[in-house]
């Protein structure tokens, strides 16, 4: 059995994540590689979200609300219908923001 690495306490880290990371050293290499890729993807998303301006965050939130409403309403939509709806909602939001 592989001996665990010494525990590193990182302030602010979720306890469940800390426990999971403690066990990673015992995983097969392929699983570790998958974990690295997954965490790198998450880190990139976090970096992008942190770089958004307040206006961009508001736009993203409006889009999320539209998507959630659509999911609640159900139905089946083509990719073109979804794209047109998103564009229309974002344009409406922009016009409202600009006071047009």
PDB file of N, CA and C in Angstrom:
ATOM      1  N   UNK A   1       0.835  -1.184   0.000  1.00  0.00           N
ATOM      2  CA  UNK A   1       0.000   0.000   0.000  1.00  0.00           C
ATOM      3  C   UNK A   1       0.874   1.240   0.000  1.00  0.00           C
ATOM      4  N   UNK A   2       0.421   2.240  -0.724  1.00  0.00           N
ATOM      5  CA  UNK A   2       1.148   3.503  -0.803  1.00  0.00           C
ATOM      6  C   UNK A   2       0.856   4.293   0.461  1.00  0.00           C
ATOM      7  N   UNK A   3       1.917   4.777   1.090  1.00  0.00           N
ATOM      8  CA  UNK A   3       1.681   5.562   2.307  1.00  0.00           C
ATOM      9  C   UNK A   3       1.155   6.938   1.918  1.00  0.00           C
ATOM     10  N   UNK A   4       0.192   7.450   2.680  1.00  0.00           N
ATOM     11  CA  UNK A   4      -0.374   8.751   2.339  1.00  0.00           C
ATOM     12  C   UNK A   4       0.653   9.856   2.522  1.00  0.00           C
ATOM     13  N   UNK A   5       0.484  10.901   1.741  1.00  0.00           N
ATOM     14  CA  UNK A   5       1.351  12.062   1.875  1.00  0.00           C
ATOM     15  C   UNK A   5       0.996  12.802   3.151  1.00  0.00           C
ATOM     16  N   UNK A   6       1.941  13.525   3.709  1.00  0.00           N
ATOM     17  CA  UNK A   6       1.619  14.297   4.906  1.00  0.00           C
ATOM     18  C   UNK A   6       0.482  15.272   4.594  1.00  0.00           C
ATOM     19  N   UNK A   7      -0.418  15.405   5.540  1.00  0.00           N
ATOM     20  CA  UNK A   7      -1.580  16.272   5.344  1.00  0.00           C
ATOM     21  C   UNK A   7      -1.138  17.728   5.349  1.00  0.00           C
ATOM     22  N   UNK A   8      -1.637  18.455   4.374  1.00  0.00           N
ATOM     23  CA  UNK A   8      -1.391  19.892   4.302  1.00  0.00           C
ATOM     24  C   UNK A   8      -2.719  20.581   4.543  1.00  0.00           C
ATOM     25  N   UNK A   9      -2.797  21.354   5.596  1.00  0.00           N
ATOM     26  CA  UNK A   9      -4.030  22.086   5.874  1.00  0.00           C
ATOM     27  C   UNK A   9      -3.998  23.421   5.146  1.00  0.00           C
ATOM     28  N   UNK A  10      -4.930  23.596   4.252  1.00  0.00           N
ATOM     29  CA  UNK A  10      -5.030  24.848   3.514  1.00  0.00           C
ATOM     30  C   UNK A  10      -6.228  25.616   4.041  1.00  0.00           C
ATOM     31  N   UNK A  11      -6.001  26.820   4.534  1.00  0.00           N
ATOM     32  CA  UNK A  11      -7.118  27.591   5.083  1.00  0.00           C
ATOM     33  C   UNK A  11      -8.189  27.818   4.021  1.00  0.00           C
ATOM     34  N   UNK A  12      -9.421  27.652   4.416  1.00  0.00           N
ATOM     35  CA  UNK A  12     -10.527  27.901   3.503  1.00  0.00           C
ATOM     36  C   UNK A  12     -10.901  26.732   2.617  1.00  0.00           C
ATOM     37  N   UNK A  13     -10.153  25.621   2.676  1.00  0.00           N
ATOM     38  CA  UNK A  13     -10.479  24.483   1.823  1.00  0.00           C
ATOM     39  C   UNK A  13     -11.639  23.699   2.427  1.00  0.00           C
ATOM     40  N   UNK A  14     -12.548  23.317   1.583  1.00  0.00           N
ATOM     41  CA  UNK A  14     -13.674  22.475   1.952  1.00  0.00           C
ATOM     42  C   UNK A  14     -13.136  21.177   2.566  1.00  0.00           C
ATOM     43  N   UNK A  15     -13.685  20.785   3.706  1.00  0.00           N
ATOM     44  CA  UNK A  15     -13.204  19.596   4.422  1.00  0.00           C
ATOM     45  C   UNK A  15     -13.329  18.328   3.566  1.00  0.00           C
ATOM     46  N   UNK A  16     -14.428  18.218   2.843  1.00  0.00           N
ATOM     47  CA  UNK A  16     -14.622  17.031   1.990  1.00  0.00           C
ATOM     48  C   UNK A  16     -13.557  16.969   0.898  1.00  0.00           C
ATOM     49  N   UNK A  17     -13.240  18.123   0.304  1.00  0.00           N
ATOM     50  CA  UNK A  17     -12.208  18.167  -0.722  1.00  0.00           C
ATOM     51  C   UNK A  17     -10.848  17.816  -0.123  1.00  0.00           C
ATOM     52  N   UNK A  18     -10.574  18.338   1.053  1.00  0.00           N
ATOM     53  CA  UNK A  18      -9.309  18.045   1.723  1.00  0.00           C
ATOM     54  C   UNK A  18      -9.150  16.541   1.968  1.00  0.00           C
ATOM     55  N   UNK A  19     -10.206  15.903   2.438  1.00  0.00           N
ATOM     56  CA  UNK A  19     -10.185  14.463   2.697  1.00  0.00           C
ATOM     57  C   UNK A  19      -9.976  13.684   1.401  1.00  0.00           C
ATOM     58  N   UNK A  20     -10.661  14.092   0.364  1.00  0.00           N
ATOM     59  CA  UNK A  20     -10.527  13.430  -0.930  1.00  0.00           C
ATOM     60  C   UNK A  20      -9.107  13.569  -1.467  1.00  0.00           C
ATOM     61  N   UNK A  21      -8.560  14.755  -1.383  1.00  0.00           N
ATOM     62  CA  UNK A  21      -7.197  14.966  -1.883  1.00  0.00           C
ATOM     63  C   UNK A  21      -6.174  14.142  -1.110  1.00  0.00           C
ATOM     64  N   UNK A  22      -6.453  13.896   0.165  1.00  0.00           N
ATOM     65  CA  UNK A  22      -5.561  13.039   0.956  1.00  0.00           C
ATOM     66  C   UNK A  22      -5.478  11.628   0.374  1.00  0.00           C
ATOM     67  N   UNK A  23      -6.547  11.171  -0.273  1.00  0.00           N
ATOM     68  CA  UNK A  23      -6.587   9.799  -0.798  1.00  0.00           C
ATOM     69  C   UNK A  23      -6.093   9.688  -2.234  1.00  0.00           C
ATOM     70  N   UNK A  24      -5.908  10.793  -2.917  1.00  0.00           N
ATOM     71  CA  UNK A  24      -5.537  10.781  -4.334  1.00  0.00           C
ATOM     72  C   UNK A  24      -4.233  10.032  -4.586  1.00  0.00           C
ATOM     73  N   UNK A  25      -3.280  10.138  -3.699  1.00  0.00           N
ATOM     74  CA  UNK A  25      -1.980   9.475  -3.908  1.00  0.00           C
ATOM     75  C   UNK A  25      -2.118   7.966  -4.044  1.00  0.00           C
ATOM     76  N   UNK A  26      -3.176   7.406  -3.500  1.00  0.00           N
ATOM     77  CA  UNK A  26      -3.381   5.951  -3.575  1.00  0.00           C
ATOM     78  C   UNK A  26      -4.148   5.542  -4.832  1.00  0.00           C
ATOM     79  N   UNK A  27      -4.594   6.490  -5.604  1.00  0.00           N
ATOM     80  CA  UNK A  27      -5.348   6.176  -6.825  1.00  0.00           C
ATOM     81  C   UNK A  27      -4.406   5.696  -7.921  1.00  0.00           C
ATOM     82  N   UNK A  28      -4.931   4.910  -8.878  1.00  0.00           N
ATOM     83  CA  UNK A  28      -4.128   4.545 -10.055  1.00  0.00           C
ATOM     84  C   UNK A  28      -3.763   5.819 -10.837  1.00  0.00           C
ATOM     85  N   UNK A  29      -2.662   5.752 -11.564  1.00  0.00           N
ATOM     86  CA  UNK A  29      -2.169   6.921 -12.298  1.00  0.00           C
ATOM     87  C   UNK A  29      -3.225   7.499 -13.241  1.00  0.00           C
ATOM     88  N   UNK A  30      -3.956   6.622 -13.931  1.00  0.00           N
ATOM     89  CA  UNK A  30      -4.972   7.106 -14.868  1.00  0.00           C
ATOM     90  C   UNK A  30      -6.045   7.922 -14.152  1.00  0.00           C
ATOM     91  N   UNK A  31      -6.449   7.476 -12.972  1.00  0.00           N
ATOM     92  CA  UNK A  31      -7.444   8.214 -12.191  1.00  0.00           C
ATOM     93  C   UNK A  31      -6.872   9.555 -11.728  1.00  0.00           C
ATOM     94  N   UNK A  32      -5.595   9.558 -11.363  1.00  0.00           N
ATOM     95  CA  UNK A  32      -4.957  10.819 -10.968  1.00  0.00           C
ATOM     96  C   UNK A  32      -4.911  11.785 -12.148  1.00  0.00           C
ATOM     97  N   UNK A  33      -4.598  11.267 -13.339  1.00  0.00           N
ATOM     98  CA  UNK A  33      -4.576  12.102 -14.543  1.00  0.00           C
ATOM     99  C   UNK A  33      -5.958  12.698 -14.820  1.00  0.00           C
ATOM    100  N   UNK A  34      -6.990  11.883 -14.654  1.00  0.00           N
ATOM    101  CA  UNK A  34      -8.363  12.374 -14.837  1.00  0.00           C
ATOM    102  C   UNK A  34      -8.686  13.474 -13.828  1.00  0.00           C
ATOM    103  N   UNK A  35      -8.249  13.282 -12.579  1.00  0.00           N
ATOM    104  CA  UNK A  35      -8.498  14.276 -11.538  1.00  0.00           C
ATOM    105  C   UNK A  35      -7.798  15.587 -11.878  1.00  0.00           C
ATOM    106  N   UNK A  36      -6.580  15.510 -12.367  1.00  0.00           N
ATOM    107  CA  UNK A  36      -5.837  16.715 -12.756  1.00  0.00           C
ATOM    108  C   UNK A  36      -6.584  17.457 -13.855  1.00  0.00           C
ATOM    109  N   UNK A  37      -7.048  16.726 -14.860  1.00  0.00           N
ATOM    110  CA  UNK A  37      -7.771  17.373 -15.968  1.00  0.00           C
ATOM    111  C   UNK A  37      -9.059  18.018 -15.479  1.00  0.00           C
ATOM    112  N   UNK A  38      -9.804  17.316 -14.618  1.00  0.00           N
ATOM    113  CA  UNK A  38     -11.061  17.853 -14.105  1.00  0.00           C
ATOM    114  C   UNK A  38     -10.823  19.113 -13.275  1.00  0.00           C
ATOM    115  N   UNK A  39      -9.835  19.054 -12.389  1.00  0.00           N
ATOM    116  CA  UNK A  39      -9.542  20.212 -11.546  1.00  0.00           C
ATOM    117  C   UNK A  39      -9.007  21.384 -12.366  1.00  0.00           C
ATOM    118  N   UNK A  40      -8.215  21.107 -13.393  1.00  0.00           N
ATOM    119  CA  UNK A  40      -7.709  22.169 -14.264  1.00  0.00           C
ATOM    120  C   UNK A  40      -8.857  22.847 -15.004  1.00  0.00           C
ATOM    121  N   UNK A  41      -9.840  22.066 -15.469  1.00  0.00           N
ATOM    122  CA  UNK A  41     -11.013  22.630 -16.139  1.00  0.00           C
ATOM    123  C   UNK A  41     -11.800  23.524 -15.189  1.00  0.00           C
ATOM    124  N   UNK A  42     -11.989  23.057 -13.967  1.00  0.00           N
ATOM    125  CA  UNK A  42     -12.724  23.844 -12.967  1.00  0.00           C
ATOM    126  C   UNK A  42     -11.971  25.129 -12.655  1.00  0.00           C
ATOM    127  N   UNK A  43     -10.656  25.020 -12.501  1.00  0.00           N
ATOM    128  CA  UNK A  43      -9.852  26.200 -12.202  1.00  0.00           C
ATOM    129  C   UNK A  43      -9.975  27.250 -13.307  1.00  0.00           C
ATOM    130  N   UNK A  44      -9.983  26.807 -14.554  1.00  0.00           N
ATOM    131  CA  UNK A  44     -10.116  27.739 -15.683  1.00  0.00           C
ATOM    132  C   UNK A  44     -11.479  28.434 -15.646  1.00  0.00           C
ATOM    133  N   UNK A  45     -12.542  27.674 -15.356  1.00  0.00           N
ATOM    134  CA  UNK A  45     -13.871  28.280 -15.268  1.00  0.00           C
ATOM    135  C   UNK A  45     -13.923  29.312 -14.145  1.00  0.00           C
ATOM    136  N   UNK A  46     -13.329  28.981 -13.008  1.00  0.00           N
ATOM    137  CA  UNK A  46     -13.294  29.913 -11.877  1.00  0.00           C
ATOM    138  C   UNK A  46     -12.529  31.172 -12.274  1.00  0.00           C
ATOM    139  N   UNK A  47     -11.403  31.001 -12.943  1.00  0.00           N
ATOM    140  CA  UNK A  47     -10.591  32.143 -13.370  1.00  0.00           C
ATOM    141  C   UNK A  47     -11.382  33.053 -14.298  1.00  0.00           C
ATOM    142  N   UNK A  48     -12.082  32.455 -15.262  1.00  0.00           N
ATOM    143  CA  UNK A  48     -12.875  33.241 -16.201  1.00  0.00           C
ATOM    144  C   UNK A  48     -13.996  33.980 -15.474  1.00  0.00           C
ATOM    145  N   UNK A  49     -14.710  33.274 -14.593  1.00  0.00           N
ATOM    146  CA  UNK A  49     -15.803  33.913 -13.854  1.00  0.00           C
ATOM    147  C   UNK A  49     -15.302  35.056 -12.980  1.00  0.00           C
ATOM    148  N   UNK A  50     -14.143  34.892 -12.381  1.00  0.00           N
ATOM    149  CA  UNK A  50     -13.592  35.944 -11.530  1.00  0.00           C
ATOM    150  C   UNK A  50     -13.159  37.161 -12.339  1.00  0.00           C
ATOM    151  N   UNK A  51     -12.897  36.973 -13.627  1.00  0.00           N
ATOM    152  CA  UNK A  51     -12.439  38.081 -14.463  1.00  0.00           C
ATOM    153  C   UNK A  51     -13.592  38.877 -15.080  1.00  0.00           C
ATOM    154  N   UNK A  52     -14.840  38.423 -14.894  1.00  0.00           N
ATOM    155  CA  UNK A  52     -15.984  39.117 -15.474  1.00  0.00           C
ATOM    156  C   UNK A  52     -16.241  40.455 -14.786  1.00  0.00           C
ATOM    157  N   UNK A  53     -16.668  41.412 -15.573  1.00  0.00           N
ATOM    158  CA  UNK A  53     -17.078  42.695 -15.013  1.00  0.00           C
ATOM    159  C   UNK A  53     -18.463  42.522 -14.390  1.00  0.00           C
ATOM    160  N   UNK A  54     -18.881  43.442 -13.521  1.00  0.00           N
ATOM    161  CA  UNK A  54     -20.238  43.349 -12.969  1.00  0.00           C
ATOM    162  C   UNK A  54     -21.304  43.298 -14.066  1.00  0.00           C
ATOM    163  N   UNK A  55     -21.105  44.035 -15.134  1.00  0.00           N
ATOM    164  CA  UNK A  55     -22.064  44.019 -16.244  1.00  0.00           C
ATOM    165  C   UNK A  55     -22.123  42.642 -16.902  1.00  0.00           C
ATOM    166  N   UNK A  56     -20.970  42.035 -17.113  1.00  0.00           N
ATOM    167  CA  UNK A  56     -20.931  40.698 -17.700  1.00  0.00           C
ATOM    168  C   UNK A  56     -21.568  39.674 -16.771  1.00  0.00           C
ATOM    169  N   UNK A  57     -21.355  39.824 -15.461  1.00  0.00           N
ATOM    170  CA  UNK A  57     -21.976  38.916 -14.495  1.00  0.00           C
ATOM    171  C   UNK A  57     -23.502  39.043 -14.543  1.00  0.00           C
ATOM    172  N   UNK A  58     -24.001  40.274 -14.647  1.00  0.00           N
ATOM    173  CA  UNK A  58     -25.446  40.493 -14.731  1.00  0.00           C
ATOM    174  C   UNK A  58     -26.015  39.862 -15.998  1.00  0.00           C
ATOM    175  N   UNK A  59     -25.288  39.998 -17.092  1.00  0.00           N
ATOM    176  CA  UNK A  59     -25.716  39.398 -18.360  1.00  0.00           C
ATOM    177  C   UNK A  59     -25.779  37.875 -18.233  1.00  0.00           C
ATOM    178  N   UNK A  60     -24.767  37.303 -17.624  1.00  0.00           N
ATOM    179  CA  UNK A  60     -24.719  35.852 -17.439  1.00  0.00           C
ATOM    180  C   UNK A  60     -25.861  35.392 -16.545  1.00  0.00           C
ATOM    181  N   UNK A  61     -26.127  36.133 -15.483  1.00  0.00           N
ATOM    182  CA  UNK A  61     -27.226  35.778 -14.578  1.00  0.00           C
ATOM    183  C   UNK A  61     -28.570  35.847 -15.305  1.00  0.00           C
ATOM    184  N   UNK A  62     -28.766  36.861 -16.144  1.00  0.00           N
ATOM    185  CA  UNK A  62     -30.001  36.968 -16.922  1.00  0.00           C
ATOM    186  C   UNK A  62     -30.145  35.767 -17.856  1.00  0.00           C
ATOM    187  N   UNK A  63     -29.065  35.370 -18.458  1.00  0.00           N
ATOM    188  CA  UNK A  63     -29.089  34.204 -19.346  1.00  0.00           C
ATOM    189  C   UNK A  63     -29.426  32.937 -18.565  1.00  0.00           C
ATOM    190  N   UNK A  64     -28.834  32.782 -17.371  1.00  0.00           N
ATOM    191  CA  UNK A  64     -29.140  31.612 -16.541  1.00  0.00           C
ATOM    192  C   UNK A  64     -30.616  31.573 -16.165  1.00  0.00           C
ATOM    193  N   UNK A  65     -31.182  32.726 -15.828  1.00  0.00           N
ATOM    194  CA  UNK A  65     -32.604  32.786 -15.481  1.00  0.00           C
ATOM    195  C   UNK A  65     -33.472  32.376 -16.659  1.00  0.00           C
ATOM    196  N   UNK A  66     -33.107  32.829 -17.840  1.00  0.00           N
ATOM    197  CA  UNK A  66     -33.853  32.467 -19.044  1.00  0.00           C
ATOM    198  C   UNK A  66     -33.778  30.965 -19.292  1.00  0.00           C
ATOM    199  N   UNK A  67     -32.602  30.413 -19.153  1.00  0.00           N
ATOM    200  CA  UNK A  67     -32.426  28.970 -19.363  1.00  0.00           C
ATOM    201  C   UNK A  67     -33.219  28.187 -18.324  1.00  0.00           C
ATOM    202  N   UNK A  68     -33.151  28.598 -17.059  1.00  0.00           N
ATOM    203  CA  UNK A  68     -33.889  27.896 -16.003  1.00  0.00           C
ATOM    204  C   UNK A  68     -35.398  27.967 -16.236  1.00  0.00           C
ATOM    205  N   UNK A  69     -35.901  29.129 -16.671  1.00  0.00           N
ATOM    206  CA  UNK A  69     -37.336  29.247 -16.986  1.00  0.00           C
ATOM    207  C   UNK A  69     -37.713  28.302 -18.117  1.00  0.00           C
ATOM    208  N   UNK A  70     -36.872  28.240 -19.127  1.00  0.00           N
ATOM    209  CA  UNK A  70     -37.137  27.359 -20.268  1.00  0.00           C
ATOM    210  C   UNK A  70     -37.171  25.899 -19.843  1.00  0.00           C
ATOM    211  N   UNK A  71     -36.255  25.532 -18.955  1.00  0.00           N
ATOM    212  CA  UNK A  71     -36.228  24.149 -18.462  1.00  0.00           C
ATOM    213  C   UNK A  71     -37.506  23.851 -17.689  1.00  0.00           C
ATOM    214  N   UNK A  72     -37.927  24.804 -16.842  1.00  0.00           N
ATOM    215  CA  UNK A  72     -39.147  24.608 -16.058  1.00  0.00           C
ATOM    216  C   UNK A  72     -40.375  24.479 -16.952  1.00  0.00           C
ATOM    217  N   UNK A  73     -40.401  25.247 -18.046  1.00  0.00           N
ATOM    218  CA  UNK A  73     -41.538  25.202 -18.962  1.00  0.00           C
ATOM    219  C   UNK A  73     -41.544  23.926 -19.794  1.00  0.00           C
ATOM    220  N   UNK A  74     -40.375  23.327 -19.942  1.00  0.00           N
ATOM    221  CA  UNK A  74     -40.271  22.102 -20.717  1.00  0.00           C
ATOM    222  C   UNK A  74     -40.323  22.377 -22.203  1.00  0.00           C
ATOM    223  N   UNK A  75     -40.513  21.335 -22.953  1.00  0.00           N
ATOM    224  CA  UNK A  75     -40.579  21.486 -24.398  1.00  0.00           C
ATOM    225  C   UNK A  75     -39.291  21.012 -25.048  1.00  0.00           C
ATOM    226  N   UNK A  76     -39.336  20.983 -26.344  1.00  0.00           N
ATOM    227  CA  UNK A  76     -38.191  20.560 -27.124  1.00  0.00           C
ATOM    228  C   UNK A  76     -37.864  21.658 -28.123  1.00  0.00           C
ATOM    229  N   UNK A  77     -36.638  22.103 -28.111  1.00  0.00           N
ATOM    230  CA  UNK A  77     -36.236  23.210 -28.958  1.00  0.00           C
ATOM    231  C   UNK A  77     -35.021  22.818 -29.784  1.00  0.00           C
ATOM    232  N   UNK A  78     -34.958  23.354 -30.998  1.00  0.00           N
ATOM    233  CA  UNK A  78     -33.789  23.110 -31.846  1.00  0.00           C
ATOM    234  C   UNK A  78     -32.666  24.029 -31.383  1.00  0.00           C
ATOM    235  N   UNK A  79     -31.457  23.735 -31.826  1.00  0.00           N
ATOM    236  CA  UNK A  79     -30.317  24.596 -31.501  1.00  0.00           C
ATOM    237  C   UNK A  79     -30.548  26.015 -32.015  1.00  0.00           C
ATOM    238  N   UNK A  80     -31.154  26.131 -33.188  1.00  0.00           N
ATOM    239  CA  UNK A  80     -31.423  27.447 -33.771  1.00  0.00           C
ATOM    240  C   UNK A  80     -32.426  28.233 -32.925  1.00  0.00           C
ATOM    241  N   UNK A  81     -33.470  27.536 -32.424  1.00  0.00           N
ATOM    242  CA  UNK A  81     -34.460  28.195 -31.574  1.00  0.00           C
ATOM    243  C   UNK A  81     -33.837  28.667 -30.256  1.00  0.00           C
ATOM    244  N   UNK A  82     -32.982  27.851 -29.703  1.00  0.00           N
ATOM    245  CA  UNK A  82     -32.305  28.225 -28.458  1.00  0.00           C
ATOM    246  C   UNK A  82     -31.414  29.437 -28.700  1.00  0.00           C
ATOM    247  N   UNK A  83     -30.635  29.418 -29.768  1.00  0.00           N
ATOM    248  CA  UNK A  83     -29.742  30.540 -30.083  1.00  0.00           C
ATOM    249  C   UNK A  83     -30.529  31.819 -30.321  1.00  0.00           C
ATOM    250  N   UNK A  84     -31.657  31.721 -31.045  1.00  0.00           N
ATOM    251  CA  UNK A  84     -32.484  32.901 -31.314  1.00  0.00           C
ATOM    252  C   UNK A  84     -33.081  33.446 -30.019  1.00  0.00           C
ATOM    253  N   UNK A  85     -33.519  32.572 -29.142  1.00  0.00           N
ATOM    254  CA  UNK A  85     -34.092  33.004 -27.870  1.00  0.00           C
ATOM    255  C   UNK A  85     -33.046  33.694 -27.001  1.00  0.00           C
ATOM    256  N   UNK A  86     -31.867  33.120 -26.942  1.00  0.00           N
ATOM    257  CA  UNK A  86     -30.788  33.729 -26.154  1.00  0.00           C
ATOM    258  C   UNK A  86     -30.453  35.103 -26.712  1.00  0.00           C
ATOM    259  N   UNK A  87     -30.307  35.191 -28.033  1.00  0.00           N
ATOM    260  CA  UNK A  87     -29.973  36.475 -28.655  1.00  0.00           C
ATOM    261  C   UNK A  87     -31.061  37.506 -28.373  1.00  0.00           C
ATOM    262  N   UNK A  88     -32.326  37.120 -28.505  1.00  0.00           N
ATOM    263  CA  UNK A  88     -33.427  38.041 -28.268  1.00  0.00           C
ATOM    264  C   UNK A  88     -33.448  38.519 -26.815  1.00  0.00           C
ATOM    265  N   UNK A  89     -33.253  37.604 -25.894  1.00  0.00           N
ATOM    266  CA  UNK A  89     -33.249  37.982 -24.475  1.00  0.00           C
ATOM    267  C   UNK A  89     -32.069  38.876 -24.130  1.00  0.00           C
ATOM    268  N   UNK A  90     -30.907  38.580 -24.670  1.00  0.00           N
ATOM    269  CA  UNK A  90     -29.747  39.423 -24.400  1.00  0.00           C
ATOM    270  C   UNK A  90     -29.908  40.800 -25.036  1.00  0.00           C
ATOM    271  N   UNK A  91     -30.483  40.844 -26.237  1.00  0.00           N
ATOM    272  CA  UNK A  91     -30.730  42.135 -26.880  1.00  0.00           C
ATOM    273  C   UNK A  91     -31.740  42.948 -26.081  1.00  0.00           C
ATOM    274  N   UNK A  92     -32.790  42.307 -25.587  1.00  0.00           N
ATOM    275  CA  UNK A  92     -33.793  42.987 -24.763  1.00  0.00           C
ATOM    276  C   UNK A  92     -33.155  43.512 -23.495  1.00  0.00           C
ATOM    277  N   UNK A  93     -32.293  42.712 -22.890  1.00  0.00           N
ATOM    278  CA  UNK A  93     -31.608  43.128 -21.669  1.00  0.00           C
ATOM    279  C   UNK A  93     -30.713  44.327 -21.946  1.00  0.00           C
ATOM    280  N   UNK A  94     -29.970  44.286 -23.060  1.00  0.00           N
ATOM    281  CA  UNK A  94     -29.086  45.404 -23.443  1.00  0.00           C
ATOM    282  C   UNK A  94     -29.902  46.669 -23.670  1.00  0.00           C
ATOM    283  N   UNK A  95     -31.022  46.554 -24.401  1.00  0.00           N
ATOM    284  CA  UNK A  95     -31.861  47.715 -24.679  1.00  0.00           C
ATOM    285  C   UNK A  95     -32.431  48.301 -23.382  1.00  0.00           C
ATOM    286  N   UNK A  96     -32.848  47.432 -22.480  1.00  0.00           N
ATOM    287  CA  UNK A  96     -33.397  47.885 -21.203  1.00  0.00           C
ATOM    288  C   UNK A  96     -32.318  48.581 -20.374  1.00  0.00           C
ATOM    289  N   UNK A  97     -31.131  48.003 -20.382  1.00  0.00           N
ATOM    290  CA  UNK A  97     -30.013  48.580 -19.639  1.00  0.00           C
ATOM    291  C   UNK A  97     -29.641  49.954 -20.172  1.00  0.00           C
ATOM    292  N   UNK A  98     -29.695  50.100 -21.499  1.00  0.00           N
ATOM    293  CA  UNK A  98     -29.340  51.366 -22.135  1.00  0.00           C
ATOM    294  C   UNK A  98     -30.483  52.373 -22.084  1.00  0.00           C
ATOM    295  N   UNK A  99     -31.663  51.908 -21.667  1.00  0.00           N
ATOM    296  CA  UNK A  99     -32.806  52.803 -21.597  1.00  0.00           C
ATOM    297  C   UNK A  99     -33.485  53.024 -22.928  1.00  0.00           C
ATOM    298  N   UNK A 100     -33.236  52.133 -23.862  1.00  0.00           N
ATOM    299  CA  UNK A 100     -33.835  52.282 -25.201  1.00  0.00           C
ATOM    300  C   UNK A 100     -35.249  51.771 -25.224  1.00  0.00           C
TER     301      UNK A 100
END
